[in-house]
């Protein structure tokens, strides 16, 4: 079987708390429980910006983060998720995921090319296709343009550099592929709503970066 899941994760709020979700390039199947009386299943969409979440005492989330290069038969999967008997440890869950989710070879190559080259024209040349063909391929399979994926990749990699390095922000910006520090600041505000300087000093934000498209 193909490895479709990036991470199987759990969050249990023992007391009311706030958290933040950072765009990761992945879609998740999420099981939500509040005590014994409320249950909800969700198939998330690709996030274009960070958002805050509030958990009440007793809230439990359990999720399966799918690979960025997966294609999902959302209609069929949602019909399965409507079954009230389905739980995170249900013996049929993995077979349901493999029945409705698959890695797309062309998409995998395209996203990997962006990771390796870090440039739209270079990525399309690596695959031996025109820029227009590359654009159509990625957008038809993810609903997002190659530029979206490149900007997401750049932001996430730069966030990791900020957390690990004490280099000047201007140097980090250039190392991260931005034109200058102002360009990096604008992108971080669009994606996260905070500046790179704020992220560097806030461990809560740093810890919000989970496994994803890096």
Protein backbone atom coordinates (compact mmCIF):
# COMPACT_ATOMS: atom_id res chain seq x y z
CA UNK A 1 0.00 0.00 0.00
CA UNK A 2 1.12 3.57 -0.68
CA UNK A 3 2.09 5.68 2.29
CA UNK A 4 -0.63 8.34 2.22
CA UNK A 5 -0.46 9.76 5.74
CA UNK A 6 2.15 12.32 6.75
CA UNK A 7 1.18 12.22 10.40
CA UNK A 8 -1.42 10.71 12.72
CA UNK A 9 -1.90 13.39 15.38
CA UNK A 10 -3.90 13.96 18.56
CA UNK A 11 -4.80 17.03 20.62
CA UNK A 12 -6.61 16.81 23.96
CA UNK A 13 -7.67 20.03 25.70
CA UNK A 14 -7.65 19.34 29.43
CA UNK A 15 -8.59 22.97 29.99
CA UNK A 16 -9.80 25.78 27.74
CA UNK A 17 -7.00 27.04 25.53
CA UNK A 18 -6.24 28.79 22.28
CA UNK A 19 -4.09 27.47 19.47
CA UNK A 20 -3.05 28.37 15.96
CA UNK A 21 -3.10 26.39 12.72
CA UNK A 22 -0.43 27.20 10.14
CA UNK A 23 -0.79 26.38 6.41
CA UNK A 24 1.06 23.13 5.70
CA UNK A 25 -0.02 22.16 2.17
CA UNK A 26 -1.95 19.14 3.45
CA UNK A 27 -5.56 18.17 3.93
CA UNK A 28 -6.61 16.37 7.10
CA UNK A 29 -9.31 13.93 8.09
CA UNK A 30 -10.24 15.16 11.58
CA UNK A 31 -12.31 13.46 14.27
CA UNK A 32 -13.65 15.84 16.90
CA UNK A 33 -15.16 14.73 20.21
CA UNK A 34 -16.52 16.72 23.11
CA UNK A 35 -17.13 14.38 26.01
CA UNK A 36 -19.38 11.52 24.96
CA UNK A 37 -22.17 13.48 23.35
CA UNK A 38 -20.77 15.37 20.38
CA UNK A 39 -18.85 13.93 17.45
CA UNK A 40 -17.86 15.49 14.18
CA UNK A 41 -15.73 14.39 11.24
CA UNK A 42 -14.19 16.84 8.81
CA UNK A 43 -12.16 16.71 5.63
CA UNK A 44 -10.25 19.99 5.60
CA UNK A 45 -9.32 22.12 2.60
CA UNK A 46 -5.91 23.61 1.82
CA UNK A 47 -5.29 26.62 4.04
CA UNK A 48 -4.12 29.89 2.52
CA UNK A 49 -3.50 31.65 5.83
CA UNK A 50 -3.06 30.83 9.49
CA UNK A 51 -6.06 30.88 11.81
CA UNK A 52 -6.70 30.57 15.52
CA UNK A 53 -8.68 27.81 17.20
CA UNK A 54 -10.27 27.71 20.62
CA UNK A 55 -10.63 24.46 22.52
CA UNK A 56 -12.92 23.89 25.47
CA UNK A 57 -11.99 21.65 28.38
CA UNK A 58 -12.57 18.05 27.30
CA UNK A 59 -12.32 18.67 23.56
CA UNK A 60 -10.37 15.98 21.73
CA UNK A 61 -9.14 16.11 18.16
CA UNK A 62 -7.57 13.25 16.29
CA UNK A 63 -6.47 13.60 12.71
CA UNK A 64 -4.75 12.02 9.74
CA UNK A 65 -2.69 14.50 7.73
CA UNK A 66 -2.59 13.44 4.07
CA UNK A 67 0.35 13.95 1.76
CA UNK A 68 0.39 17.15 -0.33
CA UNK A 69 0.59 15.12 -3.55
CA UNK A 70 -2.59 13.16 -2.84
CA UNK A 71 -5.75 13.40 -4.88
CA UNK A 72 -8.95 12.78 -2.95
CA UNK A 73 -12.35 11.54 -4.06
CA UNK A 74 -14.03 13.95 -1.66
CA UNK A 75 -17.58 12.88 -2.40
CA UNK A 76 -16.98 9.21 -1.67
CA UNK A 77 -14.80 9.93 1.34
CA UNK A 78 -17.41 12.23 2.88
CA UNK A 79 -20.07 9.55 2.45
CA UNK A 80 -17.89 7.17 4.43
CA UNK A 81 -17.28 9.84 7.07
CA UNK A 82 -21.04 10.25 7.54
CA UNK A 83 -21.14 6.78 9.13
CA UNK A 84 -21.59 7.42 12.89
CA UNK A 85 -19.79 4.15 13.67
CA UNK A 86 -16.52 5.36 12.16
CA UNK A 87 -13.83 6.14 14.72
CA UNK A 88 -10.08 6.83 14.46
CA UNK A 89 -9.31 3.25 15.47
CA UNK A 90 -12.03 1.62 13.37
CA UNK A 91 -10.56 -1.41 11.55
CA UNK A 92 -11.94 -0.19 8.20
CA UNK A 93 -10.61 3.37 8.39
CA UNK A 94 -7.30 2.69 6.65
CA UNK A 95 -8.97 0.75 3.85
CA UNK A 96 -11.46 3.62 3.42
CA UNK A 97 -8.59 6.10 3.11
CA UNK A 98 -6.80 3.92 0.56
CA UNK A 99 -10.06 3.46 -1.34
CA UNK A 100 -10.65 7.21 -1.72
CA UNK A 101 -7.16 8.77 -1.60
CA UNK A 102 -4.18 8.16 -3.85
CA UNK A 103 -0.82 9.71 -4.67
CA UNK A 104 -0.84 11.29 -8.11
CA UNK A 105 2.46 10.59 -9.85
CA UNK A 106 2.46 13.71 -12.01
CA UNK A 107 1.56 15.95 -9.09
CA UNK A 108 4.22 14.30 -6.92
CA UNK A 109 6.86 15.05 -9.57
CA UNK A 110 5.69 18.65 -9.95
CA UNK A 111 5.72 19.42 -6.21
CA UNK A 112 9.07 17.68 -5.80
CA UNK A 113 10.50 19.75 -8.66
CA UNK A 114 9.43 22.93 -6.87
CA UNK A 115 11.09 21.67 -3.69
CA UNK A 116 14.33 20.86 -5.48
CA UNK A 117 14.58 23.89 -7.78
CA UNK A 118 12.69 26.57 -5.84
CA UNK A 119 11.77 28.33 -9.07
CA UNK A 120 8.72 28.02 -11.35
CA UNK A 121 10.53 28.08 -14.69
CA UNK A 122 13.27 25.77 -13.44
CA UNK A 123 10.71 23.29 -12.09
CA UNK A 124 8.83 23.14 -15.40
CA UNK A 125 12.11 22.71 -17.30
CA UNK A 126 13.11 19.89 -14.97
CA UNK A 127 9.90 18.06 -15.92
CA UNK A 128 10.36 18.91 -19.60
CA UNK A 129 7.06 20.78 -19.93
CA UNK A 130 6.08 24.36 -20.68
CA UNK A 131 5.26 26.79 -17.91
CA UNK A 132 1.62 26.80 -19.01
CA UNK A 133 1.41 22.99 -18.91
CA UNK A 134 3.02 22.98 -15.48
CA UNK A 135 0.48 25.56 -14.28
CA UNK A 136 -2.48 23.56 -15.61
CA UNK A 137 -1.20 20.31 -14.14
CA UNK A 138 -0.76 21.60 -10.60
CA UNK A 139 -3.91 23.73 -10.51
CA UNK A 140 -6.15 21.01 -11.96
CA UNK A 141 -5.07 18.53 -9.28
CA UNK A 142 -4.84 20.79 -6.21
CA UNK A 143 -7.01 23.81 -6.97
CA UNK A 144 -3.96 25.97 -6.27
CA UNK A 145 -1.40 27.44 -8.65
CA UNK A 146 2.30 26.51 -8.67
CA UNK A 147 2.96 30.00 -7.32
CA UNK A 148 0.83 29.19 -4.26
CA UNK A 149 2.94 26.11 -3.61
CA UNK A 150 6.22 27.96 -4.14
CA UNK A 151 5.21 30.78 -1.79
CA UNK A 152 4.04 28.27 0.83
CA UNK A 153 7.29 26.32 0.56
CA UNK A 154 9.37 29.49 0.84
CA UNK A 155 7.46 30.71 3.90
CA UNK A 156 7.71 27.39 5.72
CA UNK A 157 11.41 26.94 5.02
CA UNK A 158 12.15 30.51 6.06
CA UNK A 159 10.16 30.03 9.29
CA UNK A 160 12.37 27.03 10.09
CA UNK A 161 15.49 29.14 9.46
CA UNK A 162 14.18 31.88 11.75
CA UNK A 163 13.65 29.39 14.57
CA UNK A 164 17.06 27.77 14.14
CA UNK A 165 19.31 30.69 13.23
CA UNK A 166 20.36 33.93 14.83
CA UNK A 167 21.27 35.49 11.50
CA UNK A 168 20.08 39.00 10.69
CA UNK A 169 16.58 39.15 9.24
CA UNK A 170 17.93 40.66 6.02
CA UNK A 171 20.21 37.63 5.57
CA UNK A 172 17.43 35.17 6.34
CA UNK A 173 15.23 36.88 3.75
CA UNK A 174 17.81 36.42 1.00
CA UNK A 175 18.60 32.84 2.08
CA UNK A 176 14.86 32.10 2.02
CA UNK A 177 14.48 33.27 -1.57
CA UNK A 178 12.91 36.67 -0.93
CA UNK A 179 13.98 39.83 -2.75
CA UNK A 180 14.64 41.61 0.53
CA UNK A 181 13.46 41.85 4.13
CA UNK A 182 10.42 43.93 3.20
CA UNK A 183 9.30 41.24 0.76
CA UNK A 184 9.67 38.59 3.49
CA UNK A 185 7.72 40.73 5.95
CA UNK A 186 4.82 41.15 3.49
CA UNK A 187 4.66 37.43 2.77
CA UNK A 188 4.69 36.47 6.43
CA UNK A 189 1.90 38.93 7.18
CA UNK A 190 -0.17 37.47 4.34
CA UNK A 191 0.37 33.85 5.36
CA UNK A 192 0.57 34.15 9.15
CA UNK A 193 -0.61 37.60 10.17
CA UNK A 194 2.65 38.20 12.06
CA UNK A 195 6.14 39.38 11.17
CA UNK A 196 9.24 37.18 10.91
CA UNK A 197 10.67 38.98 13.94
CA UNK A 198 7.58 38.07 15.99
CA UNK A 199 7.75 34.43 14.91
CA UNK A 200 11.42 34.22 15.88
CA UNK A 201 10.64 35.14 19.49
CA UNK A 202 7.37 33.20 19.91
CA UNK A 203 7.80 29.47 20.56
CA UNK A 204 4.03 28.92 20.35
CA UNK A 205 4.11 29.97 16.71
CA UNK A 206 7.21 27.92 16.03
CA UNK A 207 5.58 24.82 17.48
CA UNK A 208 2.53 25.37 15.27
CA UNK A 209 4.60 24.35 12.24
CA UNK A 210 3.80 20.66 11.89
CA UNK A 211 4.92 18.22 9.20
CA UNK A 212 3.84 19.31 5.75
CA UNK A 213 5.10 20.64 2.44
CA UNK A 214 8.69 21.57 3.24
